[in-house]
Structure formats: structure tokens, C-alpha cells
Protein backbone atom coordinates (compact mmCIF):
# COMPACT_ATOMS: atom_id res chain seq x y z
CA UNK A 1 -13.46 18.29 5.45
CA UNK A 2 -13.01 15.05 3.52
CA UNK A 3 -11.90 16.87 0.39
CA UNK A 4 -9.24 18.86 2.25
CA UNK A 5 -8.02 15.69 4.02
CA UNK A 6 -7.74 13.90 0.69
CA UNK A 7 -5.81 16.83 -0.79
CA UNK A 8 -3.46 16.81 2.22
CA UNK A 9 -2.77 13.07 1.92
CA UNK A 10 -2.28 13.41 -1.83
CA UNK A 11 0.29 16.16 -1.36
CA UNK A 12 2.09 14.13 1.32
CA UNK A 13 2.26 11.03 -0.89
CA UNK A 14 3.10 12.84 -4.15
CA UNK A 15 6.90 13.15 -3.62
CA UNK A 16 7.37 9.48 -2.81
CA UNK A 17 4.97 8.39 -5.58
CA UNK A 18 6.99 10.39 -8.10
CA UNK A 19 10.20 8.66 -6.97
CA UNK A 20 8.86 5.08 -7.11
CA UNK A 21 9.38 2.83 -10.15
CA UNK A 22 6.35 2.66 -12.45
CA UNK A 23 5.18 0.34 -15.20
CA UNK A 24 4.46 1.45 -18.78
CA UNK A 25 1.03 2.78 -17.71
CA UNK A 26 2.56 4.97 -14.99
CA UNK A 27 1.33 2.77 -12.11
CA UNK A 28 3.29 1.51 -9.11
CA UNK A 29 3.16 -2.09 -7.88
CA UNK A 30 1.23 -3.17 -4.80
CA UNK A 31 4.50 -3.59 -2.86
CA UNK A 32 5.59 -0.04 -3.82
CA UNK A 33 2.20 1.31 -2.71
CA UNK A 34 2.57 -0.54 0.60
CA UNK A 35 5.99 1.03 1.06
CA UNK A 36 4.65 4.54 0.39
CA UNK A 37 1.76 4.14 2.83
CA UNK A 38 4.02 2.57 5.47
CA UNK A 39 6.48 5.45 5.16
CA UNK A 40 3.68 8.00 5.52
CA UNK A 41 2.33 6.36 8.69
CA UNK A 42 5.79 6.03 10.26
CA UNK A 43 6.89 9.59 9.45
CA UNK A 44 3.63 11.20 10.39
CA UNK A 45 2.45 9.15 13.37
CA UNK A 46 5.25 6.75 14.31
CA UNK A 47 2.87 3.88 13.51
CA UNK A 48 4.11 0.46 12.40
CA UNK A 49 1.08 -1.40 11.09
CA UNK A 50 1.20 -5.19 11.10
CA UNK A 51 1.14 -6.50 7.55
CA UNK A 52 2.02 -3.15 6.01
CA UNK A 53 5.73 -3.06 6.91
CA UNK A 54 8.32 -5.11 5.05
CA UNK A 55 8.67 -8.73 6.13
CA UNK A 56 12.06 -10.44 6.13
CA UNK A 57 13.60 -7.40 4.48
CA UNK A 58 11.27 -7.45 1.48
CA UNK A 59 8.30 -5.31 0.50
CA UNK A 60 6.99 -8.05 -1.78
CA UNK A 61 4.53 -10.40 -0.16
CA UNK A 62 2.53 -13.46 -1.03
CA UNK A 63 -0.33 -12.14 1.12
CA UNK A 64 -1.02 -8.52 0.14
CA UNK A 65 -4.18 -8.20 2.24
CA UNK A 66 -2.28 -6.04 4.74
CA UNK A 67 -1.85 -8.72 7.37
CA UNK A 68 -5.59 -9.19 7.82
CA UNK A 69 -5.75 -12.73 6.43
CA UNK A 70 -6.50 -14.25 9.81
CA UNK A 71 -9.42 -11.82 10.32
CA UNK A 72 -11.10 -12.03 6.92
CA UNK A 73 -13.31 -14.72 5.43
CA UNK A 74 -11.34 -16.75 2.88
CA UNK A 75 -13.57 -15.66 0.00
CA UNK A 76 -12.98 -11.97 0.77
CA UNK A 77 -9.26 -12.54 1.24
CA UNK A 78 -9.11 -14.30 -2.15
CA UNK A 79 -10.93 -11.38 -3.81
CA UNK A 80 -8.55 -8.82 -2.30
CA UNK A 81 -5.47 -10.79 -3.26
CA UNK A 82 -6.74 -11.38 -6.82
CA UNK A 83 -7.44 -7.67 -7.23
CA UNK A 84 -4.06 -6.57 -5.89
CA UNK A 85 -2.20 -9.20 -7.89
CA UNK A 86 -3.72 -8.08 -11.19
CA UNK A 87 -3.76 -4.31 -10.74
CA UNK A 88 -1.18 -1.67 -10.04
CA UNK A 89 -1.83 1.70 -8.42
CA UNK A 90 -2.04 4.99 -10.33
């Protein structure tokens, strides 16, 4: 069941992933990945998830932990933000 669900999500995200700008390694930025996931949730479920949608008209954010900063311990939040700041998504 998990495998088929993963295949379904992959096929749903593939068209938008292909259209997004990529770096020299073929990866998209964290803000582009947020956009793709946001679009999937809105189109499929009508969900607008706090912290995932654009803020002030921009997909870039200084807090990429998906709006969970007030719910996470600072150390964990720092780890998430460091990881997202230094890595793109393939």
C-alpha cells in the first residue's frame, strides 16, 4: 500500500517538478519544493497549510520549518533550518 501511494504521489508531483527551475545538480530549491507540495495539497484536497503557502507574495522564507517554529524545540528547529538551507531537493 505504501509503495503504491508513493508511486501515486511521485506521478502527481512529476509534471510540476519537471517545470521548476533546477540547479546544476538537477535539484530544486526548498522554496520551489514548498510551492510544489502546496500546489498538490490545494489541487487535491483544497488544503492551505500554515507555513507551507507563500507569505507576503513570496515562496522564499527565512523560516523553512513549515510554520512549526513555535511548536518545535529550538535545537530541532535549528537542525531543520540548517539542513534545508544547505540542501536542495532532487
